[in-house]
Amino acid sequence: MTDIPEDLRYTPEHEYVRESDVEGEVFIGITDYAQGELGDVVYVELPAPGEEFGRLEAFGTVEAVKTVSELFCPAAGEVVAVNDALETDPALVNSDPYGEGWMIRLATESPSELDDLFTAEQYAALLADADEG
């Protein structure tokens, strides 16, 4: 069973957004479902702090034993921090995707863009539809 925390927002591309303790800043990573589909993560390529991305623009890649997958920014903004721990331990994405496996911290330009993301219930329905198809 895929873990889908209720307090997060989700993209159709299987990224999640978690609010931080700073107004307008969010943590972004990939969902439990995504890491499970990818398999063992062996490398994560992330941007440098200060880089800016538009909504749905690719901001990095995740390399797993099976495949390489792009990461998409759920909202426009500036990267204020990256998870340096993934450089030496990319498997954190597999073991703790919603905690220690976060990827970037983003200062959003328009926090209202996040309102369009899926709730946990909507994301669960998306996954259920994908399983049926």
N, C-alpha and C. Protein backbone atom coordinates (compact mmCIF):
# COMPACT_ATOMS: atom_id res chain seq x y z
N MET A 1 0.85 -1.19 0.00
CA MET A 1 0.00 0.00 0.00
C MET A 1 0.89 1.25 0.00
N THR A 2 0.60 2.14 -0.89
CA THR A 2 1.36 3.38 -1.02
C THR A 2 0.99 4.35 0.11
N ASP A 3 2.00 4.97 0.69
CA ASP A 3 1.80 5.95 1.75
C ASP A 3 1.46 7.29 1.11
N ILE A 4 0.32 7.90 1.50
CA ILE A 4 -0.11 9.19 0.98
C ILE A 4 -0.50 10.08 2.16
N PRO A 5 0.45 10.80 2.74
CA PRO A 5 0.15 11.66 3.89
C PRO A 5 -0.93 12.70 3.56
N GLU A 6 -1.84 12.88 4.49
CA GLU A 6 -2.98 13.79 4.30
C GLU A 6 -2.57 15.26 4.24
N ASP A 7 -1.44 15.63 4.88
CA ASP A 7 -1.08 17.04 4.99
C ASP A 7 -0.25 17.56 3.83
N LEU A 8 -0.04 16.76 2.79
CA LEU A 8 0.75 17.18 1.65
C LEU A 8 -0.14 17.44 0.44
N ARG A 9 0.44 18.11 -0.56
CA ARG A 9 -0.22 18.29 -1.86
C ARG A 9 0.60 17.51 -2.88
N TYR A 10 -0.03 17.12 -3.99
CA TYR A 10 0.60 16.21 -4.94
C TYR A 10 0.41 16.66 -6.38
N THR A 11 1.38 16.30 -7.24
CA THR A 11 1.28 16.60 -8.67
C THR A 11 0.94 15.33 -9.44
N PRO A 12 0.41 15.48 -10.65
CA PRO A 12 0.16 14.30 -11.49
C PRO A 12 1.45 13.57 -11.85
N GLU A 13 2.59 14.28 -11.76
CA GLU A 13 3.89 13.69 -12.07
C GLU A 13 4.54 13.02 -10.87
N HIS A 14 3.82 12.96 -9.75
CA HIS A 14 4.21 12.24 -8.54
C HIS A 14 5.26 12.95 -7.69
N GLU A 15 5.25 14.29 -7.74
CA GLU A 15 6.00 15.05 -6.75
C GLU A 15 5.04 15.42 -5.62
N TYR A 16 5.61 15.66 -4.45
CA TYR A 16 4.78 16.16 -3.35
C TYR A 16 5.30 17.53 -2.92
N VAL A 17 4.44 18.27 -2.23
CA VAL A 17 4.78 19.58 -1.68
C VAL A 17 4.38 19.56 -0.21
N ARG A 18 5.35 19.91 0.64
CA ARG A 18 5.11 19.99 2.08
C ARG A 18 5.44 21.40 2.55
N GLU A 19 4.55 22.02 3.28
CA GLU A 19 4.81 23.37 3.79
C GLU A 19 6.00 23.34 4.74
N SER A 20 6.75 24.43 4.75
CA SER A 20 7.88 24.55 5.68
C SER A 20 7.47 25.50 6.80
N ASP A 21 8.42 25.78 7.67
CA ASP A 21 8.14 26.70 8.77
C ASP A 21 8.31 28.16 8.34
N VAL A 22 8.66 28.40 7.07
CA VAL A 22 8.83 29.76 6.54
C VAL A 22 7.70 30.04 5.55
N GLU A 23 6.99 31.12 5.76
CA GLU A 23 5.89 31.51 4.89
C GLU A 23 6.35 31.56 3.43
N GLY A 24 5.61 30.89 2.54
CA GLY A 24 5.92 30.92 1.11
C GLY A 24 6.98 29.94 0.66
N GLU A 25 7.57 29.18 1.60
CA GLU A 25 8.58 28.19 1.24
C GLU A 25 8.02 26.79 1.46
N VAL A 26 8.35 25.89 0.52
CA VAL A 26 7.87 24.51 0.59
C VAL A 26 9.00 23.54 0.30
N PHE A 27 8.84 22.33 0.83
CA PHE A 27 9.74 21.23 0.50
C PHE A 27 9.12 20.45 -0.65
N ILE A 28 9.95 19.99 -1.57
CA ILE A 28 9.48 19.21 -2.71
C ILE A 28 10.29 17.92 -2.79
N GLY A 29 9.61 16.83 -3.07
CA GLY A 29 10.27 15.54 -3.26
C GLY A 29 9.38 14.67 -4.12
N ILE A 30 9.72 13.40 -4.22
CA ILE A 30 8.85 12.48 -4.97
C ILE A 30 8.08 11.61 -3.99
N THR A 31 6.93 11.16 -4.44
CA THR A 31 6.03 10.40 -3.57
C THR A 31 6.53 8.98 -3.34
N ASP A 32 5.92 8.37 -2.35
CA ASP A 32 6.21 6.97 -2.05
C ASP A 32 5.90 6.10 -3.28
N TYR A 33 4.81 6.41 -3.95
CA TYR A 33 4.46 5.66 -5.17
C TYR A 33 5.57 5.79 -6.21
N ALA A 34 6.06 7.02 -6.43
CA ALA A 34 7.09 7.25 -7.43
C ALA A 34 8.38 6.49 -7.10
N GLN A 35 8.81 6.56 -5.85
CA GLN A 35 10.06 5.86 -5.51
C GLN A 35 9.88 4.35 -5.66
N GLY A 36 8.69 3.85 -5.38
CA GLY A 36 8.42 2.43 -5.54
C GLY A 36 8.46 2.00 -7.00
N GLU A 37 7.92 2.86 -7.87
CA GLU A 37 7.93 2.57 -9.31
C GLU A 37 9.35 2.64 -9.87
N LEU A 38 10.14 3.57 -9.37
CA LEU A 38 11.52 3.73 -9.86
C LEU A 38 12.41 2.57 -9.43
N GLY A 39 12.22 2.08 -8.23
CA GLY A 39 13.13 1.07 -7.68
C GLY A 39 14.27 1.76 -6.94
N ASP A 40 15.36 1.06 -6.77
CA ASP A 40 16.48 1.57 -5.97
C ASP A 40 17.09 2.81 -6.61
N VAL A 41 16.99 3.95 -5.91
CA VAL A 41 17.55 5.21 -6.38
C VAL A 41 19.06 5.20 -6.14
N VAL A 42 19.82 5.47 -7.21
CA VAL A 42 21.28 5.44 -7.12
C VAL A 42 21.92 6.82 -7.27
N TYR A 43 21.16 7.80 -7.80
CA TYR A 43 21.72 9.14 -7.98
C TYR A 43 20.58 10.14 -8.12
N VAL A 44 20.75 11.32 -7.52
CA VAL A 44 19.78 12.40 -7.65
C VAL A 44 20.54 13.65 -8.09
N GLU A 45 20.12 14.22 -9.22
CA GLU A 45 20.72 15.46 -9.71
C GLU A 45 19.79 16.61 -9.36
N LEU A 46 20.28 17.55 -8.56
CA LEU A 46 19.47 18.66 -8.09
C LEU A 46 20.10 19.99 -8.50
N PRO A 47 19.30 21.05 -8.57
CA PRO A 47 19.83 22.36 -8.94
C PRO A 47 20.60 22.98 -7.77
N ALA A 48 21.25 24.08 -8.05
CA ALA A 48 21.95 24.82 -7.00
C ALA A 48 21.00 25.83 -6.37
N PRO A 49 21.17 26.13 -5.09
CA PRO A 49 20.38 27.20 -4.49
C PRO A 49 20.55 28.48 -5.30
N GLY A 50 19.46 29.21 -5.43
CA GLY A 50 19.48 30.44 -6.22
C GLY A 50 18.91 30.26 -7.62
N GLU A 51 18.86 29.02 -8.10
CA GLU A 51 18.28 28.78 -9.42
C GLU A 51 16.77 28.98 -9.35
N GLU A 52 16.22 29.49 -10.46
CA GLU A 52 14.79 29.73 -10.53
C GLU A 52 14.16 28.84 -11.59
N PHE A 53 12.93 28.41 -11.32
CA PHE A 53 12.21 27.52 -12.22
C PHE A 53 10.77 27.98 -12.38
N GLY A 54 10.24 27.77 -13.58
CA GLY A 54 8.83 28.03 -13.83
C GLY A 54 8.02 26.82 -13.41
N ARG A 55 6.72 27.03 -13.32
CA ARG A 55 5.81 25.94 -12.97
C ARG A 55 5.91 24.84 -14.02
N LEU A 56 6.06 23.61 -13.56
CA LEU A 56 6.17 22.39 -14.36
C LEU A 56 7.48 22.28 -15.15
N GLU A 57 8.42 23.15 -14.87
CA GLU A 57 9.75 23.08 -15.49
C GLU A 57 10.57 22.00 -14.78
N ALA A 58 11.36 21.25 -15.54
CA ALA A 58 12.21 20.22 -14.95
C ALA A 58 13.31 20.89 -14.11
N PHE A 59 13.46 20.41 -12.87
CA PHE A 59 14.49 20.98 -12.00
C PHE A 59 15.60 19.99 -11.65
N GLY A 60 15.47 18.75 -12.09
CA GLY A 60 16.50 17.75 -11.79
C GLY A 60 16.07 16.39 -12.29
N THR A 61 16.87 15.39 -11.92
CA THR A 61 16.55 14.02 -12.31
C THR A 61 16.83 13.07 -11.16
N VAL A 62 16.13 11.94 -11.21
CA VAL A 62 16.36 10.85 -10.27
C VAL A 62 16.78 9.65 -11.12
N GLU A 63 17.92 9.08 -10.79
CA GLU A 63 18.40 7.92 -11.51
C GLU A 63 18.24 6.70 -10.61
N ALA A 64 17.55 5.71 -11.13
CA ALA A 64 17.36 4.45 -10.41
C ALA A 64 17.98 3.33 -11.23
N VAL A 65 18.02 2.16 -10.65
CA VAL A 65 18.60 1.01 -11.34
C VAL A 65 17.88 0.79 -12.67
N LYS A 66 16.55 0.98 -12.68
CA LYS A 66 15.73 0.70 -13.86
C LYS A 66 15.66 1.83 -14.87
N THR A 67 15.72 3.09 -14.41
CA THR A 67 15.40 4.21 -15.31
C THR A 67 15.90 5.54 -14.74
N VAL A 68 15.80 6.57 -15.57
CA VAL A 68 16.05 7.95 -15.13
C VAL A 68 14.75 8.71 -15.32
N SER A 69 14.38 9.51 -14.33
CA SER A 69 13.12 10.24 -14.38
C SER A 69 13.37 11.71 -14.05
N GLU A 70 12.71 12.59 -14.82
CA GLU A 70 12.83 14.01 -14.55
C GLU A 70 11.96 14.40 -13.36
N LEU A 71 12.39 15.47 -12.69
CA LEU A 71 11.65 16.05 -11.57
C LEU A 71 11.06 17.37 -12.05
N PHE A 72 9.79 17.61 -11.74
CA PHE A 72 9.12 18.81 -12.21
C PHE A 72 8.70 19.71 -11.05
N CYS A 73 8.94 21.01 -11.23
CA CYS A 73 8.63 21.99 -10.20
C CYS A 73 7.12 22.24 -10.16
N PRO A 74 6.47 22.01 -9.03
CA PRO A 74 5.02 22.17 -8.96
C PRO A 74 4.55 23.62 -8.95
N ALA A 75 5.48 24.55 -8.73
CA ALA A 75 5.14 25.98 -8.73
C ALA A 75 6.40 26.75 -9.12
N ALA A 76 6.19 27.93 -9.66
CA ALA A 76 7.33 28.78 -10.01
C ALA A 76 7.99 29.28 -8.73
N GLY A 77 9.32 29.38 -8.77
CA GLY A 77 10.01 29.90 -7.60
C GLY A 77 11.51 29.73 -7.66
N GLU A 78 12.15 30.07 -6.55
CA GLU A 78 13.61 30.01 -6.44
C GLU A 78 13.99 28.94 -5.42
N VAL A 79 14.96 28.14 -5.80
CA VAL A 79 15.48 27.12 -4.89
C VAL A 79 16.28 27.82 -3.80
N VAL A 80 15.88 27.60 -2.55
CA VAL A 80 16.59 28.22 -1.43
C VAL A 80 17.48 27.21 -0.70
N ALA A 81 17.23 25.91 -0.92
CA ALA A 81 18.07 24.88 -0.31
C ALA A 81 17.87 23.58 -1.08
N VAL A 82 18.92 22.75 -1.06
CA VAL A 82 18.83 21.40 -1.61
C VAL A 82 19.23 20.42 -0.51
N ASN A 83 18.76 19.20 -0.63
CA ASN A 83 19.08 18.18 0.36
C ASN A 83 20.43 17.56 0.00
N ASP A 84 21.49 18.11 0.58
CA ASP A 84 22.84 17.62 0.30
C ASP A 84 23.05 16.17 0.73
N ALA A 85 22.24 15.68 1.66
CA ALA A 85 22.39 14.29 2.12
C ALA A 85 22.17 13.30 0.97
N LEU A 86 21.38 13.70 -0.04
CA LEU A 86 21.10 12.80 -1.17
C LEU A 86 22.33 12.57 -2.04
N GLU A 87 23.31 13.48 -1.94
CA GLU A 87 24.54 13.32 -2.72
C GLU A 87 25.30 12.07 -2.29
N THR A 88 25.34 11.84 -0.99
CA THR A 88 26.06 10.68 -0.48
C THR A 88 25.16 9.49 -0.19
N ASP A 89 23.85 9.75 0.00
CA ASP A 89 22.91 8.67 0.31
C ASP A 89 21.60 8.84 -0.46
N PRO A 90 21.62 8.63 -1.79
CA PRO A 90 20.40 8.82 -2.58
C PRO A 90 19.28 7.85 -2.19
N ALA A 91 19.62 6.75 -1.53
CA ALA A 91 18.60 5.78 -1.11
C ALA A 91 17.63 6.35 -0.07
N LEU A 92 17.93 7.53 0.50
CA LEU A 92 16.98 8.18 1.41
C LEU A 92 15.65 8.44 0.70
N VAL A 93 15.71 8.61 -0.62
CA VAL A 93 14.48 8.80 -1.39
C VAL A 93 13.59 7.56 -1.28
N ASN A 94 14.21 6.38 -1.24
CA ASN A 94 13.45 5.14 -1.09
C ASN A 94 13.00 4.91 0.34
N SER A 95 13.89 5.12 1.29
CA SER A 95 13.59 4.75 2.67
C SER A 95 12.71 5.76 3.40
N ASP A 96 12.77 7.04 3.01
CA ASP A 96 12.01 8.08 3.72
C ASP A 96 11.67 9.22 2.77
N PRO A 97 10.84 8.95 1.74
CA PRO A 97 10.60 9.97 0.72
C PRO A 97 9.98 11.26 1.27
N TYR A 98 9.16 11.17 2.30
CA TYR A 98 8.47 12.35 2.82
C TYR A 98 9.24 13.03 3.95
N GLY A 99 10.33 12.45 4.38
CA GLY A 99 11.12 13.03 5.47
C GLY A 99 12.52 13.36 5.00
N GLU A 100 13.47 12.50 5.35
CA GLU A 100 14.88 12.72 5.03
C GLU A 100 15.16 12.69 3.52
N GLY A 101 14.21 12.19 2.72
CA GLY A 101 14.41 12.09 1.27
C GLY A 101 13.89 13.28 0.48
N TRP A 102 13.55 14.39 1.15
CA TRP A 102 13.12 15.60 0.42
C TRP A 102 14.23 16.03 -0.53
N MET A 103 13.88 16.79 -1.56
CA MET A 103 14.87 17.16 -2.58
C MET A 103 15.25 18.63 -2.58
N ILE A 104 14.26 19.52 -2.71
CA ILE A 104 14.56 20.94 -2.70
C ILE A 104 13.58 21.68 -1.79
N ARG A 105 14.05 22.86 -1.35
CA ARG A 105 13.18 23.80 -0.63
C ARG A 105 13.03 24.98 -1.58
N LEU A 106 11.78 25.34 -1.85
CA LEU A 106 11.47 26.34 -2.88
C LEU A 106 10.74 27.52 -2.27
N ALA A 107 11.20 28.74 -2.59
CA ALA A 107 10.45 29.95 -2.25
C ALA A 107 9.53 30.21 -3.44
N THR A 108 8.24 30.02 -3.23
CA THR A 108 7.30 30.13 -4.33
C THR A 108 7.02 31.58 -4.70
N GLU A 109 6.89 31.82 -6.01
CA GLU A 109 6.53 33.16 -6.48
C GLU A 109 5.06 33.43 -6.25
N SER A 110 4.24 32.43 -6.50
CA SER A 110 2.79 32.54 -6.34
C SER A 110 2.28 31.35 -5.55
N PRO A 111 2.23 31.44 -4.23
CA PRO A 111 1.77 30.31 -3.43
C PRO A 111 0.40 29.78 -3.86
N SER A 112 -0.41 30.63 -4.51
CA SER A 112 -1.74 30.19 -4.94
C SER A 112 -1.65 29.10 -6.01
N GLU A 113 -0.51 28.99 -6.71
CA GLU A 113 -0.32 27.90 -7.68
C GLU A 113 -0.44 26.54 -7.01
N LEU A 114 -0.10 26.48 -5.75
CA LEU A 114 -0.15 25.21 -5.03
C LEU A 114 -1.59 24.76 -4.77
N ASP A 115 -2.52 25.70 -4.84
CA ASP A 115 -3.93 25.36 -4.61
C ASP A 115 -4.46 24.41 -5.69
N ASP A 116 -3.82 24.41 -6.86
CA ASP A 116 -4.26 23.57 -7.96
C ASP A 116 -3.77 22.13 -7.84
N LEU A 117 -2.88 21.86 -6.90
CA LEU A 117 -2.35 20.51 -6.74
C LEU A 117 -3.37 19.59 -6.11
N PHE A 118 -3.14 18.28 -6.25
CA PHE A 118 -4.05 17.29 -5.70
C PHE A 118 -3.97 17.23 -4.18
N THR A 119 -5.11 17.01 -3.56
CA THR A 119 -5.14 16.65 -2.15
C THR A 119 -4.76 15.17 -2.06
N ALA A 120 -4.57 14.67 -0.86
CA ALA A 120 -4.24 13.25 -0.68
C ALA A 120 -5.34 12.38 -1.28
N GLU A 121 -6.59 12.76 -1.06
CA GLU A 121 -7.71 11.98 -1.57
C GLU A 121 -7.71 11.96 -3.11
N GLN A 122 -7.46 13.11 -3.72
CA GLN A 122 -7.43 13.19 -5.18
C GLN A 122 -6.25 12.40 -5.75
N TYR A 123 -5.11 12.47 -5.07
CA TYR A 123 -3.93 11.73 -5.53
C TYR A 123 -4.17 10.23 -5.42
N ALA A 124 -4.81 9.80 -4.35
CA ALA A 124 -5.13 8.38 -4.19
C ALA A 124 -6.05 7.92 -5.32
N ALA A 125 -7.00 8.76 -5.71
CA ALA A 125 -7.90 8.43 -6.82
C ALA A 125 -7.13 8.33 -8.13
N LEU A 126 -6.16 9.21 -8.33
CA LEU A 126 -5.32 9.17 -9.52
C LEU A 126 -4.57 7.82 -9.60
N LEU A 127 -4.01 7.43 -8.47
CA LEU A 127 -3.28 6.15 -8.44
C LEU A 127 -4.20 4.97 -8.66
N ALA A 128 -5.39 5.03 -8.10
CA ALA A 128 -6.37 3.95 -8.29
C ALA A 128 -6.75 3.84 -9.76
N ASP A 129 -6.95 4.99 -10.41
CA ASP A 129 -7.28 4.98 -11.85
C ASP A 129 -6.13 4.42 -12.66
N ALA A 130 -4.89 4.74 -12.29
CA ALA A 130 -3.72 4.24 -13.02
C ALA A 130 -3.60 2.72 -12.86
N ASP A 131 -3.92 2.22 -11.67
CA ASP A 131 -3.86 0.78 -11.42
C ASP A 131 -4.89 0.02 -12.24
N GLU A 132 -6.05 0.66 -12.43
CA GLU A 132 -7.12 0.03 -13.19
C GLU A 132 -6.83 0.03 -14.69
N GLY A 133 -6.07 1.06 -15.14
CA GLY A 133 -5.82 1.22 -16.57
C GLY A 133 -4.70 0.41 -17.02
